Amino acid sequence: MVITHDITQRRWLSLRTRQALSALLDLAQTLVLGVPGAGDAANLAESARQMVGCARAAITTYNAATGRQQPLAIAGVSPEEAAAWHASLADTRLADFLEARHIAALSAGNSIVLDATPPPRQEHLFGSSMALLCPMRSGHDLVGILSLDFGPVPHTYTAEEIEIAGGIAGLLTLVLERERLLAEREAAQTQMLVAERAKKQMDDFLSIASHELRTPLTSLLANLQIAARQLTDLRPLLSDLPLSRVRPRLERLDVMVSRAEGQSQRIRRLVDDLLDVSRIESGRLRLTMSPCDLLEIVRESVAEQRVTWPERRIVLDLPRRNTLLITGDADRLGQVVTNYLTNALKYAPEEQPVTVKVRARTGFARVEVCDQGPGIAPEEQQHLFERFYRVPGIKVQQRAEVGLGLGLFICRTIIERHGGRVGVISAPGEGTRFWFTVPLASSREAGT
């Protein structure tokens, strides 16, 4: 007696299970470990086909905002059929193939079994009888569709197959999102490196340009000063001579030299600002810290500006004490006070005074420069201390010049290096108060 059992179905099921497990393991490794090349769309489509054991698997992306889909990859077809599939779906609308209820179901995260025989689905699905469409969602957004079919052979999709296919679509979405995020991170890192390189090149350029410009400017300014002194010494000698032709020319020359000297000084200030910014960006801005009197620093800065702006009224409001000792770089702090003052004198009306106020608080001193100018809108104030920023639409006085937008950036850096803070209080039409604080010297430091 011979008894035989047909184990074809069992062997086929065993083989299919091993293929599915192998494909699932590859997909898990791709997701967790990032296996090189395994995240390619073609490999993912083939993995999905093996896990389900179907004839074909296809992945398309979807843009919910435009309603358009793009072919990504297909497995289980010849290269010629794959090319035709890509061509037939390129930049098409999902609504051309699916009804609104189908799109709504996929968007809600539900898989659907679709009759593939009506055109144009038949051409798209290569003559399949029934196809299973599983949504690929990122969060709550439909970003793609996994299509599975068993070819022209009739197939009834079980609940288990639909559930497994939906899980596979979710895993594919994670893998594709991972690849996308990795690509974006790599692009961002590349852009960051390019930006850092460009920033370093710009800083190097500013440093070189500032040094190269400063040398001829120093020579030019020295020659102009010598010429101005010679003209001053020559004028008394010619005052009693009937040189009606020479004297006007000398006077015009004197005016030209004065103007040239003023412009040279302005260029020198701009070069100094560029050089300071270069030092700040490269970490080479050095401060000479020592005990000093903040009141004396403010007095000297105000005195200099009174000479430069003799027609303007500058009010000095100091506390009733002889000294206000701090530890800092007197020259750099004077640069901050001067910058605040020149800004106020530039933008405030000529008939209005500018007030410089110093007050001592517990542990720190506060310096304010107040004007009655046009004021600054709140949305502009947050950018005032940024590099190269200038408030649009505010006019300067006739004799003032517009800078590069570096002064306040340099001031902020200097004050922060002293352990202080900077700020501005302003409103349109109500004037502006620029302020900064610096720590007071301790009793031990003051004694030394």
Protein backbone atom coordinates (compact mmCIF):
# COMPACT_ATOMS: atom_id res chain seq x y z
CA MET A 1 0.00 0.00 0.00
CA VAL A 2 1.36 3.42 -0.96
CA ILE A 3 0.00 6.62 0.58
CA THR A 4 0.96 9.98 -1.00
CA HIS A 5 0.29 13.50 0.14
CA ASP A 6 0.34 16.55 -2.15
CA ILE A 7 2.58 19.06 -0.35
CA THR A 8 2.85 21.54 -3.23
CA GLN A 9 0.69 24.07 -1.46
CA ARG A 10 2.61 23.60 1.77
CA ARG A 11 5.98 24.00 0.04
CA TRP A 12 4.75 27.03 -1.85
CA LEU A 13 3.46 28.58 1.38
CA SER A 14 6.77 27.82 3.13
CA LEU A 15 8.75 29.36 0.29
CA ARG A 16 6.51 32.42 0.24
CA THR A 17 6.83 32.79 4.01
CA ARG A 18 10.64 32.62 3.86
CA GLN A 19 10.69 35.22 1.07
CA ALA A 20 8.34 37.47 3.01
CA LEU A 21 10.39 37.18 6.21
CA SER A 22 13.63 37.82 4.32
CA ALA A 23 12.16 40.88 2.61
CA LEU A 24 10.76 42.14 5.92
CA LEU A 25 14.16 41.69 7.58
CA ASP A 26 15.86 43.64 4.77
CA LEU A 27 13.31 46.40 5.14
CA ALA A 28 13.81 46.53 8.92
CA GLN A 29 17.60 46.70 8.46
CA THR A 30 17.17 49.50 5.96
CA LEU A 31 14.98 51.43 8.37
CA VAL A 32 17.14 50.92 11.46
CA LEU A 33 20.66 50.60 10.11
CA GLY A 34 20.43 52.46 6.83
CA VAL A 35 21.79 49.70 4.56
CA PRO A 36 23.40 51.45 1.55
CA GLY A 37 21.28 51.13 -1.58
CA ALA A 38 18.50 49.21 0.16
CA GLY A 39 16.46 52.37 0.50
CA ASP A 40 16.25 52.77 -3.28
CA ALA A 41 12.66 52.88 -4.46
CA ALA A 42 13.12 49.89 -6.82
CA ASN A 43 14.43 47.72 -3.98
CA LEU A 44 11.57 48.79 -1.76
CA ALA A 45 9.00 47.90 -4.40
CA GLU A 46 10.59 44.48 -4.86
CA SER A 47 10.63 43.92 -1.08
CA ALA A 48 6.93 44.74 -0.92
CA ARG A 49 6.17 42.35 -3.78
CA GLN A 50 8.05 39.51 -2.07
CA MET A 51 6.43 40.09 1.31
CA VAL A 52 2.93 39.90 -0.15
CA GLY A 53 3.82 37.26 -2.75
CA CYS A 54 2.03 39.10 -5.52
CA ALA A 55 2.89 39.52 -9.20
CA ARG A 56 3.57 43.26 -9.19
CA ALA A 57 4.13 46.09 -6.70
CA ALA A 58 4.28 49.78 -7.54
CA ILE A 59 4.96 52.92 -5.51
CA THR A 60 3.70 56.37 -6.51
CA THR A 61 4.06 59.65 -4.64
CA TYR A 62 1.17 62.05 -4.14
CA ASN A 63 0.93 65.80 -3.54
CA ALA A 64 -2.31 66.56 -1.73
CA ALA A 65 -2.01 70.29 -2.44
CA THR A 66 -1.94 69.84 -6.22
CA GLY A 67 -3.68 66.47 -6.50
CA ARG A 68 -0.88 65.18 -8.73
CA GLN A 69 1.00 61.90 -8.52
CA GLN A 70 4.44 60.87 -9.70
CA PRO A 71 5.67 57.33 -10.46
CA LEU A 72 8.45 56.25 -8.12
CA ALA A 73 9.16 52.52 -8.70
CA ILE A 74 7.58 49.29 -9.91
CA ALA A 75 8.64 45.66 -9.44
CA GLY A 76 7.61 42.48 -11.26
CA VAL A 77 7.67 43.89 -14.80
CA SER A 78 10.18 44.07 -17.64
CA PRO A 79 12.34 47.15 -18.13
CA GLU A 80 10.24 48.10 -21.17
CA GLU A 81 7.03 47.83 -19.16
CA ALA A 82 8.58 49.83 -16.33
CA ALA A 83 9.54 52.60 -18.75
CA ALA A 84 6.02 52.64 -20.18
CA TRP A 85 4.57 52.77 -16.66
CA HIS A 86 6.73 55.74 -15.72
CA ALA A 87 5.77 57.54 -18.92
CA SER A 88 2.04 56.92 -18.49
CA LEU A 89 1.93 58.26 -14.93
CA ALA A 90 4.38 61.15 -15.12
CA ASP A 91 2.79 64.30 -13.66
CA THR A 92 -0.78 63.00 -13.82
CA ARG A 93 -3.69 63.64 -11.51
CA LEU A 94 -4.79 60.93 -9.13
CA ALA A 95 -8.38 61.85 -9.93
CA ASP A 96 -7.81 60.67 -13.50
CA PHE A 97 -7.55 57.08 -12.22
CA LEU A 98 -9.57 57.05 -9.01
CA GLU A 99 -12.96 58.26 -7.94
CA ALA A 100 -13.32 60.90 -5.23
CA ARG A 101 -14.51 58.31 -2.71
CA HIS A 102 -11.40 56.22 -3.34
CA ILE A 103 -9.11 59.22 -2.79
CA ALA A 104 -11.01 60.12 0.38
CA ALA A 105 -10.63 56.58 1.72
CA LEU A 106 -6.88 56.54 1.03
CA SER A 107 -6.45 59.98 2.59
CA ALA A 108 -8.21 58.69 5.69
CA GLY A 109 -5.69 55.83 5.94
CA ASN A 110 -7.85 53.01 4.57
CA SER A 111 -6.71 50.45 1.98
CA ILE A 112 -9.05 49.78 -0.94
CA VAL A 113 -9.55 46.88 -3.36
CA LEU A 114 -10.01 48.28 -6.84
CA ASP A 115 -11.47 46.88 -10.02
CA ALA A 116 -8.55 47.26 -12.43
CA THR A 117 -10.38 46.50 -15.68
CA PRO A 118 -11.86 49.92 -16.63
CA PRO A 119 -9.55 52.20 -18.64
CA PRO A 120 -7.26 53.96 -17.92
CA ARG A 121 -6.68 51.71 -14.89
CA GLN A 122 -6.23 48.67 -17.15
CA GLU A 123 -3.25 50.23 -18.93
CA HIS A 124 -1.79 51.48 -15.67
CA LEU A 125 -2.13 48.07 -13.94
CA PHE A 126 -1.08 45.93 -16.94
CA GLY A 127 -4.36 44.08 -17.34
CA SER A 128 -4.80 43.04 -13.72
CA SER A 129 -8.25 42.01 -12.60
CA MET A 130 -8.16 43.41 -9.07
CA ALA A 131 -5.59 45.64 -7.36
CA LEU A 132 -4.98 46.47 -3.72
CA LEU A 133 -4.12 50.13 -3.03
CA CYS A 134 -2.59 50.92 0.36
CA PRO A 135 -2.08 54.51 1.58
CA MET A 136 1.38 55.78 2.47
CA ARG A 137 0.87 58.55 4.99
CA SER A 138 3.23 60.90 6.78
CA GLY A 139 1.38 62.01 9.86
CA HIS A 140 -2.15 62.66 8.63
CA ASP A 141 -1.13 63.52 5.05
CA LEU A 142 -1.33 61.11 2.11
CA VAL A 143 2.10 61.20 0.49
CA GLY A 144 1.99 58.08 -1.69
CA ILE A 145 0.27 54.84 -2.66
CA LEU A 146 1.47 51.23 -2.67
CA SER A 147 -0.27 49.25 -5.44
CA LEU A 148 -0.27 45.44 -5.37
CA ASP A 149 -1.83 42.99 -7.83
CA PHE A 150 -1.70 39.32 -8.79
CA GLY A 151 -1.96 39.91 -12.54
CA PRO A 152 -4.88 38.77 -14.67
CA VAL A 153 -5.50 35.76 -12.41
CA PRO A 154 -8.58 36.43 -10.24
CA HIS A 155 -7.60 36.93 -6.63
CA THR A 156 -9.65 37.59 -3.55
CA TYR A 157 -7.79 39.71 -1.02
CA THR A 158 -8.25 38.45 2.51
CA ALA A 159 -8.45 40.68 5.57
CA GLU A 160 -5.05 39.36 6.62
CA GLU A 161 -3.47 40.28 3.27
CA ILE A 162 -4.98 43.76 3.38
CA GLU A 163 -3.72 44.29 6.92
CA ILE A 164 -0.23 43.01 6.08
CA ALA A 165 -0.09 45.16 2.94
CA GLY A 166 -1.16 48.22 4.94
CA GLY A 167 1.63 47.56 7.43
CA ILE A 168 4.12 47.21 4.60
CA ALA A 169 2.97 50.54 3.15
CA GLY A 170 3.58 52.13 6.55
CA LEU A 171 7.10 50.68 6.72
CA LEU A 172 7.85 51.84 3.17
CA THR A 173 6.72 55.34 4.13
CA LEU A 174 9.11 55.36 7.07
CA VAL A 175 12.01 54.19 4.90
CA LEU A 176 11.30 56.78 2.20
CA GLU A 177 10.90 59.53 4.80
CA ARG A 178 14.17 58.43 6.38
CA GLU A 179 15.96 58.62 3.03
CA ARG A 180 14.43 62.03 2.35
CA LEU A 181 15.45 63.40 5.74
CA LEU A 182 18.97 62.03 5.37
CA ALA A 183 19.26 63.67 1.96
CA GLU A 184 17.97 66.95 3.36
CA ARG A 185 20.39 66.74 6.28
CA GLU A 186 23.29 66.10 3.94
CA ALA A 187 22.22 69.03 1.76
CA ALA A 188 21.89 71.24 4.85
CA GLN A 189 25.34 70.21 6.07
CA THR A 190 26.78 70.96 2.65
CA GLN A 191 25.10 74.36 2.62
CA MET A 192 26.38 75.04 6.12
CA LEU A 193 29.93 74.19 5.11
CA VAL A 194 29.63 76.40 2.03
CA ALA A 195 28.21 79.22 4.17
CA GLU A 196 31.00 78.86 6.74
CA ARG A 197 33.61 78.86 3.99
CA ALA A 198 32.05 81.93 2.38
CA LYS A 199 31.87 83.67 5.77
CA LYS A 200 35.53 82.93 6.44
CA GLN A 201 36.48 84.21 3.00
CA MET A 202 34.45 87.37 3.60
CA ASP A 203 36.07 87.91 6.99
CA ASP A 204 39.51 87.40 5.45
CA PHE A 205 38.61 89.85 2.71
CA LEU A 206 37.40 92.45 5.20
CA SER A 207 40.57 92.10 7.22
CA ILE A 208 42.87 92.34 4.19
CA ALA A 209 40.88 95.17 2.59
CA SER A 210 40.81 97.15 5.83
CA HIS A 211 44.57 96.84 6.33
CA GLU A 212 45.33 97.61 2.69
CA LEU A 213 43.06 100.67 2.66
CA ARG A 214 44.28 101.99 5.97
CA THR A 215 47.89 102.50 4.85
CA PRO A 216 47.23 104.87 1.92
CA LEU A 217 44.48 106.60 3.90
CA THR A 218 46.88 107.32 6.73
CA SER A 219 49.38 108.80 4.29
CA LEU A 220 46.66 110.81 2.51
CA LEU A 221 45.30 112.17 5.77
CA ALA A 222 48.77 113.13 6.97
CA ASN A 223 49.49 115.05 3.76
CA LEU A 224 46.15 116.83 3.95
CA GLN A 225 46.84 117.86 7.53
CA ILE A 226 50.26 119.18 6.57
CA ALA A 227 48.75 121.13 3.65
CA ALA A 228 46.09 122.57 5.94
CA ARG A 229 48.72 123.72 8.46
CA GLN A 230 50.81 125.29 5.69
CA LEU A 231 47.77 127.18 4.42
CA THR A 232 47.06 128.38 7.95
CA ASP A 233 50.67 129.57 8.38
CA LEU A 234 50.67 131.23 4.95
CA ARG A 235 47.45 133.24 5.37
CA PRO A 236 48.86 135.89 7.82
CA LEU A 237 51.82 136.52 5.50
CA LEU A 238 49.51 137.30 2.60
CA SER A 239 46.90 139.30 4.46
CA ASP A 240 48.56 142.69 3.77
CA LEU A 241 49.54 141.96 0.18
CA PRO A 242 47.34 143.10 -2.73
CA LEU A 243 47.09 139.61 -4.13
CA SER A 244 43.54 139.81 -5.38
CA ARG A 245 44.02 136.80 -7.60
CA VAL A 246 46.05 134.65 -5.25
CA ARG A 247 43.96 135.09 -2.12
CA PRO A 248 40.67 133.68 -3.59
CA ARG A 249 42.53 130.71 -4.96
CA LEU A 250 44.13 130.09 -1.58
CA GLU A 251 40.73 130.32 0.06
CA ARG A 252 39.23 127.84 -2.40
CA LEU A 253 42.22 125.58 -1.86
CA ASP A 254 41.66 125.84 1.88
CA VAL A 255 38.02 124.79 1.46
CA MET A 256 38.99 121.90 -0.79
CA VAL A 257 41.63 120.69 1.65
CA SER A 258 39.12 120.88 4.51
CA ARG A 259 36.57 118.90 2.55
CA ALA A 260 39.15 116.33 1.51
CA GLU A 261 40.30 116.00 5.12
CA GLY A 262 36.70 115.48 6.26
CA GLN A 263 36.07 112.81 3.64
CA SER A 264 39.35 111.10 4.51
CA GLN A 265 38.33 111.02 8.15
CA ARG A 266 34.98 109.49 7.17
CA ILE A 267 36.67 106.82 5.04
CA ARG A 268 39.02 106.09 7.90
CA ARG A 269 36.08 105.59 10.26
CA LEU A 270 34.46 103.19 7.79
CA VAL A 271 37.71 101.26 7.42
CA ASP A 272 38.07 101.12 11.21
CA ASP A 273 34.53 99.72 11.45
CA LEU A 274 35.28 97.06 8.86
CA LEU A 275 38.48 96.17 10.66
CA ASP A 276 36.64 95.90 14.00
CA VAL A 277 33.99 93.64 12.46
CA SER A 278 36.70 91.44 10.99
CA ARG A 279 38.36 91.20 14.40
CA ILE A 280 35.04 90.38 16.07
CA GLU A 281 34.13 87.65 13.58
CA SER A 282 37.57 86.05 13.83
CA GLY A 283 37.73 86.36 17.64
CA ARG A 284 40.68 88.77 17.52
CA LEU A 285 39.04 91.85 19.09
CA ARG A 286 41.26 92.59 22.07
CA LEU A 287 40.27 94.78 25.00
CA THR A 288 42.75 96.38 27.38
CA MET A 289 40.96 96.04 30.69
CA SER A 290 42.01 98.27 33.58
CA PRO A 291 40.38 100.39 36.30
CA CYS A 292 38.93 103.57 34.80
CA ASP A 293 36.39 106.30 35.51
CA LEU A 294 33.20 105.98 33.45
CA LEU A 295 32.25 109.62 34.16
CA GLU A 296 35.54 110.83 32.70
CA ILE A 297 35.05 108.64 29.61
CA VAL A 298 31.61 110.15 29.04
CA ARG A 299 32.86 113.73 29.63
CA GLU A 300 35.65 113.32 27.08
CA SER A 301 33.31 111.85 24.46
CA VAL A 302 30.81 114.68 24.94
CA ALA A 303 33.58 117.31 24.77
CA GLU A 304 34.82 115.90 21.46
CA GLN A 305 31.36 115.96 19.94
CA ARG A 306 30.75 119.51 21.14
CA VAL A 307 33.83 120.54 19.17
CA THR A 308 32.69 118.55 16.11
CA TRP A 309 29.10 119.84 16.34
CA PRO A 310 29.51 123.37 17.76
CA GLU A 311 26.01 124.42 16.66
CA ARG A 312 24.30 121.56 18.50
CA ARG A 313 23.31 121.50 22.16
CA ILE A 314 24.46 118.45 24.12
CA VAL A 315 23.19 118.19 27.69
CA LEU A 316 25.31 116.22 30.14
CA ASP A 317 23.40 114.76 33.11
CA LEU A 318 25.81 113.12 35.59
CA PRO A 319 25.30 111.80 39.14
CA ARG A 320 26.47 113.82 42.15
CA ARG A 321 29.74 112.04 42.62
CA ASN A 322 33.28 112.66 41.42
CA THR A 323 34.03 109.25 39.97
CA LEU A 324 32.28 106.09 38.83
CA LEU A 325 34.90 103.37 38.78
CA ILE A 326 34.63 100.40 36.47
CA THR A 327 37.04 97.87 35.00
CA GLY A 328 37.16 98.16 31.24
CA ASP A 329 38.79 99.42 28.07
CA ALA A 330 38.41 103.19 28.24
CA ASP A 331 39.02 103.72 24.53
CA ARG A 332 36.45 101.13 23.48
CA LEU A 333 33.85 102.42 25.93
CA GLY A 334 34.46 105.92 24.62
CA GLN A 335 33.87 104.53 21.12
CA VAL A 336 30.45 103.27 22.25
CA VAL A 337 29.45 106.62 23.79
CA THR A 338 30.66 108.46 20.69
CA ASN A 339 28.71 106.15 18.40
CA TYR A 340 25.51 106.64 20.39
CA LEU A 341 26.06 110.41 20.37
CA THR A 342 26.82 110.73 16.67
CA ASN A 343 23.74 108.67 15.82
CA ALA A 344 21.57 110.94 17.94
CA LEU A 345 23.09 114.07 16.39
CA LYS A 346 22.64 112.65 12.89
CA TYR A 347 18.97 111.82 13.14
CA ALA A 348 17.57 114.29 15.68
CA PRO A 349 16.36 117.77 14.60
CA GLU A 350 19.06 120.43 14.82
CA GLU A 351 17.00 122.67 17.11
CA GLN A 352 16.47 119.88 19.67
CA PRO A 353 19.09 119.02 22.33
CA VAL A 354 20.65 115.60 22.83
CA THR A 355 20.98 114.41 26.42
CA VAL A 356 23.66 112.09 27.79
CA LYS A 357 22.69 110.63 31.16
CA VAL A 358 24.74 108.46 33.54
CA ARG A 359 23.28 106.73 36.58
CA ALA A 360 24.74 104.36 39.15
CA ARG A 361 22.70 101.36 40.20
CA THR A 362 23.40 98.47 42.53
CA GLY A 363 26.36 96.70 40.97
CA PHE A 364 26.28 98.46 37.59
CA ALA A 365 26.22 101.80 35.80
CA ARG A 366 23.79 102.79 33.06
CA VAL A 367 24.53 105.27 30.27
CA GLU A 368 21.72 106.69 28.13
CA VAL A 369 21.82 108.92 25.06
CA CYS A 370 18.41 110.48 24.45
CA ASP A 371 17.21 112.42 21.42
CA GLN A 372 13.92 113.86 20.23
CA GLY A 373 14.18 112.48 16.71
CA PRO A 374 11.66 110.61 14.57
CA GLY A 375 11.77 107.45 16.68
CA ILE A 376 12.04 103.83 15.58
CA ALA A 377 9.22 101.35 14.96
CA PRO A 378 9.11 98.28 17.28
CA GLU A 379 9.64 95.82 14.41
CA GLU A 380 12.87 97.62 13.48
CA GLN A 381 14.29 97.81 17.00
CA GLN A 382 15.03 94.10 17.23
CA HIS A 383 17.41 94.36 14.25
CA LEU A 384 19.25 97.56 15.24
CA PHE A 385 22.29 95.81 16.72
CA GLU A 386 22.70 93.40 13.82
CA ARG A 387 25.61 93.65 11.41
CA PHE A 388 25.04 95.86 8.33
CA TYR A 389 21.49 96.77 9.42
CA ARG A 390 20.18 100.28 8.75
CA VAL A 391 16.68 101.48 9.56
CA PRO A 392 14.93 102.22 6.26
CA GLY A 393 13.19 105.53 5.64
CA ILE A 394 14.97 107.65 8.31
CA LYS A 395 16.78 110.70 6.95
CA VAL A 396 20.00 112.11 8.39
CA GLN A 397 20.89 115.76 8.82
CA GLN A 398 22.44 117.55 5.84
CA ARG A 399 26.00 117.47 7.14
CA ALA A 400 25.80 113.87 8.35
CA GLU A 401 26.76 110.81 6.36
CA VAL A 402 25.10 107.39 6.29
CA GLY A 403 27.33 104.61 7.59
CA LEU A 404 27.59 100.92 6.81
CA GLY A 405 25.30 99.77 9.61
CA LEU A 406 28.21 98.42 11.67
CA GLY A 407 28.45 100.88 14.55
CA LEU A 408 25.75 99.45 16.80
CA PHE A 409 26.87 95.89 16.08
CA ILE A 410 30.37 96.83 17.25
CA CYS A 411 28.96 98.64 20.29
CA ARG A 412 26.95 95.59 21.33
CA THR A 413 30.02 93.37 21.06
CA ILE A 414 32.18 95.76 23.09
CA ILE A 415 29.60 96.11 25.88
CA GLU A 416 28.90 92.36 26.03
CA ARG A 417 32.65 91.75 26.28
CA HIS A 418 32.55 94.04 29.33
CA GLY A 419 29.77 91.92 30.86
CA GLY A 420 27.09 94.51 30.16
CA ARG A 421 23.99 94.88 28.02
CA VAL A 422 22.70 97.22 25.33
CA GLY A 423 19.20 98.27 24.36
CA VAL A 424 16.93 100.87 22.87
CA ILE A 425 13.66 102.49 23.96
CA SER A 426 11.78 104.24 21.20
CA ALA A 427 8.46 104.83 19.51
CA PRO A 428 7.64 106.62 16.24
CA GLY A 429 7.45 110.36 16.81
CA GLU A 430 8.63 110.14 20.43
CA GLY A 431 12.40 110.14 20.10
CA THR A 432 14.90 107.41 20.97
CA ARG A 433 16.95 106.36 24.00
CA PHE A 434 19.94 104.13 23.39
CA TRP A 435 21.41 102.70 26.58
CA PHE A 436 24.09 100.37 27.82
CA THR A 437 25.15 99.03 31.19
CA VAL A 438 28.54 97.99 32.54
CA PRO A 439 29.39 96.40 35.92
CA LEU A 440 30.83 98.67 38.58
CA ALA A 441 34.22 97.84 39.97
CA SER A 442 34.16 95.98 43.27
CA SER A 443 35.58 97.64 46.38
CA ARG A 444 38.78 95.60 46.09
CA GLU A 445 39.22 96.54 42.40
CA ALA A 446 38.44 100.21 43.16
CA GLY A 447 41.08 100.23 45.86
CA THR A 448 43.74 99.01 43.50
